[in-house]
Amino acid sequence: MRTRTTLLDIAKKLNLTPATVSRALSNHPEISAKTKKLVQETAIELDYKKNNIASSLRLGKTHVIGVLIPTAEHIFFGSVIHGITNIANLHGYDVLIYQSNETEENEIKGINAFISARVDGILVSIAKNTRNYLHFKKAQHENIPIAFFDRSNDDLDIPSVVINDFAGAYKATESLFQNGYSRIAHVSGPQHIQIFKERLRGYRAALVANNLVYDPALVYEGDVSVEAGRKAAAALMNLENPPDAIFGVEDLTALGIIKELKTRLINVPGDVGVFGFCNDVFGEHITPTLSTIDQQTNKMGEEAFKLIHNMILQGHNTVAPSKIVLEPLMIVRDSSIKTNL
């Protein structure tokens, strides 16, 4: 039976001390790049695998981070997790994922599960139905660093990584105007959630900047789902003076909008333009292809891990609260290019 390769095996082969090998594999700044490269190559050659249990007992660290998401059904969160896990694995961390299903109760259970598992840090995207935030403070009191991504709360002294939702919504609305639409509606998300509040604010600012009248009747508070999009589109098109363009708070919502418009034999984009937000993969495969705002999900995941990793390395549960804001990218496709200009 083959025995497990140890640090001592690598040290003997390279004529180094086990301590030097350990520090090289941990990317210690006092070890030269040449030695690190040599040790890493030898570790691969000898099929060395780090004993995480022994390391955890010795260092008081598990090298595990917890990621709490509202739902696994949306492509957005899968893409962010992809970014988190890629860079986490490079730094020797495993990732535990817990789904809140958009409820505060499950979110609390998730935080408690992470605390019990003694994860080194926690990344959270807040559930839609969460109104009380004491469970996040509980993690901090347990000396576990915590940070938000995407859905955050500016009233809490907790660092976060977000997209510039205001700018994204502004760009989408202005693009609709520049493509010949003038009565632009917005299907918003729940307004107690920061990102949806910012998107509504961006929409309104773009109207003002382009000398368009803000009409409250053209704002429908919906949700992030196909059915919510269909319901919102039906209500908006039943208005006495319906819109000629609709900006959906998210791509699934925009998909529902397009489906409802098609049911009513309303041409998209000829009669009504549609713009989404997220850049879900289906957007370029539907007819018409969906104009949208790319949220840089993979980069958001990478930046979220870098943030929590830095907090872990600080050796305490808080750093000066910071907010990393990523700039959105606009993707104009067929759904918002008016054909009868």
Protein backbone atom coordinates (compact mmCIF):
# COMPACT_ATOMS: atom_id res chain seq x y z
CA MET A 1 0.00 0.00 0.00
CA ARG A 2 1.40 3.38 -1.00
CA THR A 3 2.15 5.70 1.91
CA ARG A 4 1.06 9.33 1.92
CA THR A 5 3.71 11.86 0.88
CA THR A 6 4.68 14.19 3.71
CA LEU A 7 6.46 17.51 4.01
CA LEU A 8 9.48 15.57 5.26
CA ASP A 9 9.61 13.58 1.98
CA ILE A 10 9.71 16.80 -0.05
CA ALA A 11 12.29 18.32 2.33
CA LYS A 12 14.61 15.29 2.02
CA LYS A 13 14.39 15.29 -1.77
CA LEU A 14 15.28 18.99 -1.98
CA ASN A 15 17.67 19.09 0.98
CA LEU A 16 15.50 21.70 2.71
CA THR A 17 14.01 21.85 6.19
CA PRO A 18 10.33 20.80 6.59
CA ALA A 19 9.64 24.32 7.89
CA THR A 20 10.96 25.87 4.68
CA VAL A 21 8.85 23.50 2.57
CA SER A 22 5.76 24.33 4.61
CA ARG A 23 6.29 28.06 4.23
CA ALA A 24 6.97 27.70 0.50
CA LEU A 25 3.68 25.84 0.01
CA SER A 26 1.90 28.53 2.05
CA ASN A 27 3.33 31.27 -0.21
CA HIS A 28 5.25 32.84 2.68
CA PRO A 29 6.80 36.21 1.66
CA GLU A 30 10.20 35.31 3.15
CA ILE A 31 10.64 32.37 0.75
CA SER A 32 12.10 33.19 -2.66
CA ALA A 33 10.07 32.71 -5.82
CA LYS A 34 12.66 30.21 -7.08
CA THR A 35 12.34 28.03 -3.96
CA LYS A 36 8.53 28.24 -4.00
CA LYS A 37 8.47 27.09 -7.62
CA LEU A 38 10.86 24.20 -6.90
CA VAL A 39 8.86 23.06 -3.86
CA GLN A 40 5.53 23.29 -5.69
CA GLU A 41 6.85 21.29 -8.66
CA THR A 42 8.25 18.62 -6.34
CA ALA A 43 4.97 18.47 -4.39
CA ILE A 44 3.13 17.75 -7.64
CA GLU A 45 5.75 15.18 -8.69
CA LEU A 46 5.41 13.31 -5.37
CA ASP A 47 1.60 13.68 -5.37
CA TYR A 48 1.67 15.59 -2.08
CA LYS A 49 -1.75 16.38 -0.59
CA LYS A 50 -2.09 18.80 2.28
CA ASN A 51 -3.53 17.33 5.48
CA ASN A 52 -6.22 19.94 6.13
CA ILE A 53 -7.40 18.31 9.35
CA ALA A 54 -3.93 18.46 10.90
CA SER A 55 -3.48 22.04 9.69
CA SER A 56 -6.84 23.04 11.14
CA LEU A 57 -6.00 21.60 14.55
CA ARG A 58 -2.60 23.27 14.56
CA LEU A 59 -3.59 26.69 13.23
CA GLY A 60 -7.17 26.97 14.42
CA LYS A 61 -8.25 27.45 10.79
CA THR A 62 -10.45 25.21 8.66
CA HIS A 63 -9.57 26.73 5.26
CA VAL A 64 -13.26 26.66 4.46
CA ILE A 65 -15.47 29.63 3.62
CA GLY A 66 -19.25 29.60 3.64
CA VAL A 67 -21.27 31.15 0.82
CA LEU A 68 -24.92 31.93 1.52
CA ILE A 69 -27.07 32.56 -1.57
CA PRO A 70 -30.79 33.36 -1.95
CA THR A 71 -31.39 30.66 -4.57
CA ALA A 72 -29.51 28.19 -6.72
CA GLU A 73 -32.12 28.46 -9.49
CA HIS A 74 -30.75 31.67 -10.97
CA ILE A 75 -27.78 31.46 -13.34
CA PHE A 76 -26.41 34.66 -11.79
CA PHE A 77 -25.54 33.03 -8.47
CA GLY A 78 -24.02 29.98 -10.13
CA SER A 79 -21.72 32.24 -12.11
CA VAL A 80 -20.67 34.21 -9.00
CA ILE A 81 -19.97 30.96 -7.14
CA HIS A 82 -17.85 29.82 -10.09
CA GLY A 83 -15.71 32.95 -9.62
CA ILE A 84 -15.49 32.43 -5.85
CA THR A 85 -14.52 28.75 -5.98
CA ASN A 86 -11.92 29.17 -8.73
CA ILE A 87 -9.84 31.65 -6.75
CA ALA A 88 -10.63 30.04 -3.37
CA ASN A 89 -9.23 26.72 -4.55
CA LEU A 90 -6.07 28.44 -5.76
CA HIS A 91 -5.58 29.73 -2.21
CA GLY A 92 -6.24 26.32 -0.65
CA TYR A 93 -9.80 26.97 0.51
CA ASP A 94 -12.86 24.78 0.18
CA VAL A 95 -16.32 26.33 -0.23
CA LEU A 96 -19.54 25.39 1.56
CA ILE A 97 -22.74 26.63 -0.08
CA TYR A 98 -26.06 27.17 1.69
CA GLN A 99 -29.30 28.22 -0.04
CA SER A 100 -31.72 30.44 1.90
CA ASN A 101 -34.59 30.06 -0.61
CA GLU A 102 -35.18 33.81 -0.15
CA THR A 103 -36.32 33.43 3.49
CA GLU A 104 -34.91 35.02 6.61
CA GLU A 105 -35.51 31.81 8.57
CA ASN A 106 -33.32 29.72 6.26
CA GLU A 107 -30.73 32.49 6.13
CA ILE A 108 -30.42 32.33 9.93
CA LYS A 109 -30.07 28.54 9.74
CA GLY A 110 -27.34 28.95 7.15
CA ILE A 111 -25.35 31.38 9.30
CA ASN A 112 -25.70 29.08 12.31
CA ALA A 113 -24.53 26.10 10.22
CA PHE A 114 -21.45 28.03 9.13
CA ILE A 115 -20.71 29.08 12.70
CA SER A 116 -21.00 25.45 13.86
CA ALA A 117 -18.68 24.35 11.06
CA ARG A 118 -16.18 27.02 12.17
CA VAL A 119 -15.68 28.32 8.67
CA ASP A 120 -12.94 30.92 8.34
CA GLY A 121 -15.22 33.48 6.66
CA ILE A 122 -18.72 33.96 5.29
CA LEU A 123 -19.95 35.56 2.05
CA VAL A 124 -23.64 36.46 1.85
CA SER A 125 -26.14 37.69 -0.70
CA ILE A 126 -29.12 38.75 1.40
CA ALA A 127 -32.46 36.94 1.02
CA LYS A 128 -35.41 38.86 -0.39
CA ASN A 129 -37.54 38.38 2.74
CA THR A 130 -34.87 39.29 5.30
CA ARG A 131 -35.78 42.24 7.52
CA ASN A 132 -33.70 41.53 10.64
CA TYR A 133 -29.91 41.39 10.42
CA LEU A 134 -28.86 40.23 13.90
CA HIS A 135 -27.64 36.85 12.58
CA PHE A 136 -24.91 38.64 10.62
CA LYS A 137 -23.78 40.39 13.79
CA LYS A 138 -23.77 37.01 15.54
CA ALA A 139 -21.16 35.74 13.08
CA GLN A 140 -19.02 38.80 13.78
CA HIS A 141 -19.34 38.24 17.53
CA GLU A 142 -18.02 34.71 16.93
CA ASN A 143 -14.96 36.32 15.31
CA ILE A 144 -15.90 35.03 11.86
CA PRO A 145 -15.37 37.64 9.13
CA ILE A 146 -18.46 38.29 7.00
CA ALA A 147 -18.98 40.23 3.78
CA PHE A 148 -21.82 40.76 1.31
CA PHE A 149 -21.90 40.37 -2.46
CA ASP A 150 -24.55 41.62 -4.89
CA ARG A 151 -27.34 42.14 -2.34
CA SER A 152 -25.96 44.20 0.52
CA ASN A 153 -27.22 46.62 3.13
CA ASP A 154 -25.51 50.00 3.38
CA ASP A 155 -26.83 50.53 6.91
CA LEU A 156 -24.65 47.71 8.23
CA ASP A 157 -20.92 48.11 8.82
CA ILE A 158 -20.17 45.06 6.69
CA PRO A 159 -17.93 45.19 3.59
CA SER A 160 -19.43 44.30 0.24
CA VAL A 161 -18.83 43.72 -3.47
CA VAL A 162 -21.57 45.04 -5.72
CA ILE A 163 -22.22 46.14 -9.27
CA ASN A 164 -23.00 49.79 -9.95
CA ASP A 165 -26.74 49.13 -10.26
CA PHE A 166 -27.53 52.83 -10.66
CA ALA A 167 -25.19 53.14 -13.66
CA GLY A 168 -26.47 49.92 -15.21
CA ALA A 169 -30.10 51.03 -15.04
CA TYR A 170 -29.17 54.49 -16.32
CA LYS A 171 -27.39 52.98 -19.33
CA ALA A 172 -30.28 50.64 -20.15
CA THR A 173 -32.89 53.41 -19.97
CA GLU A 174 -30.80 55.88 -21.95
CA SER A 175 -30.08 53.26 -24.61
CA LEU A 176 -33.82 52.69 -25.09
CA PHE A 177 -34.29 56.45 -25.54
CA GLN A 178 -31.41 56.67 -28.00
CA ASN A 179 -32.95 53.86 -30.02
CA GLY A 180 -36.16 55.77 -30.56
CA TYR A 181 -38.35 54.94 -27.55
CA SER A 182 -39.87 57.73 -25.49
CA ARG A 183 -42.45 56.24 -23.13
CA ILE A 184 -40.24 53.90 -21.12
CA ALA A 185 -41.61 51.76 -18.29
CA HIS A 186 -39.68 49.98 -15.55
CA VAL A 187 -40.57 46.71 -13.87
CA SER A 188 -38.71 47.09 -10.57
CA GLY A 189 -37.84 44.65 -7.81
CA PRO A 190 -38.82 44.84 -4.12
CA GLN A 191 -37.75 48.30 -2.96
CA HIS A 192 -36.42 47.24 0.45
CA ILE A 193 -33.58 45.52 -1.41
CA GLN A 194 -30.69 47.90 -2.10
CA ILE A 195 -29.86 46.77 -5.65
CA PHE A 196 -33.43 47.13 -6.87
CA LYS A 197 -33.74 50.53 -5.23
CA GLU A 198 -30.60 51.64 -7.06
CA ARG A 199 -31.91 50.38 -10.40
CA LEU A 200 -35.10 52.38 -9.99
CA ARG A 201 -33.04 55.43 -9.08
CA GLY A 202 -30.89 54.97 -12.20
CA TYR A 203 -33.98 54.63 -14.40
CA ARG A 204 -35.46 57.86 -13.05
CA ALA A 205 -32.18 59.75 -13.41
CA ALA A 206 -31.88 58.70 -17.06
CA LEU A 207 -35.41 59.96 -17.76
CA VAL A 208 -34.59 63.36 -16.27
CA ALA A 209 -31.25 63.59 -18.10
CA ASN A 210 -32.98 62.95 -21.43
CA ASN A 211 -35.91 65.32 -20.79
CA LEU A 212 -38.46 62.52 -20.46
CA VAL A 213 -41.35 62.88 -18.04
CA TYR A 214 -41.37 60.48 -15.09
CA ASP A 215 -44.80 58.83 -14.89
CA PRO A 216 -45.39 56.74 -11.71
CA ALA A 217 -47.93 54.68 -13.67
CA LEU A 218 -45.05 53.32 -15.74
CA VAL A 219 -43.26 51.83 -12.73
CA TYR A 220 -44.52 48.40 -11.71
CA GLU A 221 -43.00 46.78 -8.62
CA GLY A 222 -42.59 43.16 -9.59
CA ASP A 223 -40.04 40.45 -8.93
CA VAL A 224 -37.28 38.37 -10.47
CA SER A 225 -39.18 35.66 -12.35
CA VAL A 226 -40.72 34.95 -15.74
CA GLU A 227 -44.22 34.95 -14.27
CA ALA A 228 -43.63 38.30 -12.57
CA GLY A 229 -42.50 39.71 -15.92
CA ARG A 230 -45.63 38.46 -17.68
CA LYS A 231 -47.88 39.90 -14.98
CA ALA A 232 -46.11 43.27 -15.09
CA ALA A 233 -46.24 43.49 -18.89
CA ALA A 234 -49.97 42.70 -18.86
CA ALA A 235 -50.64 45.48 -16.35
CA LEU A 236 -48.52 48.01 -18.23
CA MET A 237 -49.99 47.25 -21.66
CA ASN A 238 -53.51 47.53 -20.23
CA LEU A 239 -52.86 51.18 -19.34
CA GLU A 240 -54.82 53.78 -21.27
CA ASN A 241 -51.48 55.14 -22.49
CA PRO A 242 -49.16 52.08 -22.53
CA PRO A 243 -45.35 52.24 -22.81
CA ASP A 244 -43.37 51.78 -26.01
CA ALA A 245 -40.44 50.24 -24.10
CA ILE A 246 -40.00 48.27 -20.87
CA PHE A 247 -36.83 47.96 -18.80
CA GLY A 248 -36.98 44.80 -16.69
CA VAL A 249 -35.18 44.61 -13.37
CA GLU A 250 -33.58 41.29 -14.35
CA ASP A 251 -33.31 39.04 -17.42
CA LEU A 252 -35.87 36.48 -16.20
CA THR A 253 -38.31 39.34 -15.69
CA ALA A 254 -37.50 40.65 -19.19
CA LEU A 255 -38.09 37.16 -20.63
CA GLY A 256 -41.54 37.12 -19.06
CA ILE A 257 -42.20 40.58 -20.51
CA ILE A 258 -41.32 39.38 -24.01
CA LYS A 259 -43.49 36.27 -23.64
CA GLU A 260 -46.51 38.35 -22.61
CA LEU A 261 -46.00 40.83 -25.44
CA LYS A 262 -45.81 37.97 -27.95
CA THR A 263 -49.03 36.51 -26.54
CA ARG A 264 -50.68 39.85 -27.27
CA LEU A 265 -49.21 39.88 -30.80
CA ILE A 266 -47.15 42.96 -29.93
CA ASN A 267 -43.95 43.08 -31.94
CA VAL A 268 -40.64 43.29 -30.07
CA PRO A 269 -38.78 45.55 -30.80
CA GLY A 270 -40.95 47.18 -33.49
CA ASP A 271 -43.85 48.10 -31.21
CA VAL A 272 -42.26 47.78 -27.79
CA GLY A 273 -38.57 47.60 -26.92
CA VAL A 274 -37.34 45.44 -24.02
CA PHE A 275 -34.15 45.66 -21.94
CA GLY A 276 -33.01 43.28 -19.21
CA PHE A 277 -30.35 43.26 -16.50
CA CYS A 278 -27.86 40.46 -15.69
CA ASN A 279 -26.76 38.92 -19.00
CA ASP A 280 -28.05 35.42 -18.32
CA VAL A 281 -26.87 32.90 -20.89
CA PHE A 282 -30.34 32.42 -22.43
CA GLY A 283 -30.49 36.08 -23.54
CA GLU A 284 -28.54 35.53 -26.74
CA HIS A 285 -30.54 32.41 -27.66
CA ILE A 286 -34.11 33.74 -27.58
CA THR A 287 -35.97 35.63 -30.32
CA PRO A 288 -35.45 38.51 -30.35
CA THR A 289 -32.08 38.35 -28.61
CA LEU A 290 -32.20 40.27 -25.33
CA SER A 291 -30.45 43.57 -24.68
CA THR A 292 -29.06 43.53 -21.16
CA ILE A 293 -26.55 44.75 -18.58
CA ASP A 294 -23.65 42.43 -17.83
CA GLN A 295 -22.95 42.30 -14.08
CA GLN A 296 -19.45 40.82 -14.37
CA THR A 297 -20.50 37.88 -12.22
CA ASN A 298 -17.24 35.95 -12.42
CA LYS A 299 -15.25 39.03 -11.42
CA MET A 300 -17.73 39.72 -8.61
CA GLY A 301 -17.04 36.25 -7.23
CA GLU A 302 -13.30 36.72 -7.47
CA GLU A 303 -13.41 40.12 -5.76
CA ALA A 304 -15.72 38.76 -3.05
CA PHE A 305 -13.23 36.01 -2.20
CA LYS A 306 -10.31 38.47 -2.21
CA LEU A 307 -12.24 40.69 0.20
CA ILE A 308 -13.11 37.92 2.67
CA HIS A 309 -9.62 36.42 2.36
CA ASN A 310 -8.06 39.75 3.27
CA MET A 311 -10.37 39.97 6.29
CA ILE A 312 -9.35 36.46 7.35
CA LEU A 313 -5.68 37.37 7.11
CA GLN A 314 -6.23 40.43 9.31
CA GLY A 315 -6.75 38.06 12.23
CA HIS A 316 -9.93 39.73 13.49
CA ASN A 317 -13.54 39.89 12.43
CA THR A 318 -13.73 43.45 11.14
CA VAL A 319 -11.77 45.79 8.94
CA ALA A 320 -12.67 49.32 7.99
CA PRO A 321 -15.95 48.76 6.11
CA SER A 322 -15.37 48.92 2.39
CA LYS A 323 -17.57 48.75 -0.66
CA ILE A 324 -16.09 47.46 -3.88
CA VAL A 325 -18.18 48.68 -6.82
CA LEU A 326 -17.80 47.01 -10.23
CA GLU A 327 -18.85 48.87 -13.35
CA PRO A 328 -21.55 47.20 -15.49
CA LEU A 329 -21.20 46.48 -19.20
CA MET A 330 -24.04 47.21 -21.63
CA ILE A 331 -24.92 44.67 -24.30
CA VAL A 332 -27.35 45.93 -26.95
CA ARG A 333 -29.09 43.19 -28.91
CA ASP A 334 -32.22 42.94 -31.08
CA SER A 335 -34.88 43.45 -28.39
CA SER A 336 -34.16 47.17 -28.00
CA ILE A 337 -33.33 48.25 -31.54
CA LYS A 338 -36.45 49.86 -32.98
CA THR A 339 -37.11 48.67 -36.52
CA ASN A 340 -39.60 51.31 -37.63
CA LEU A 341 -37.60 54.51 -37.04
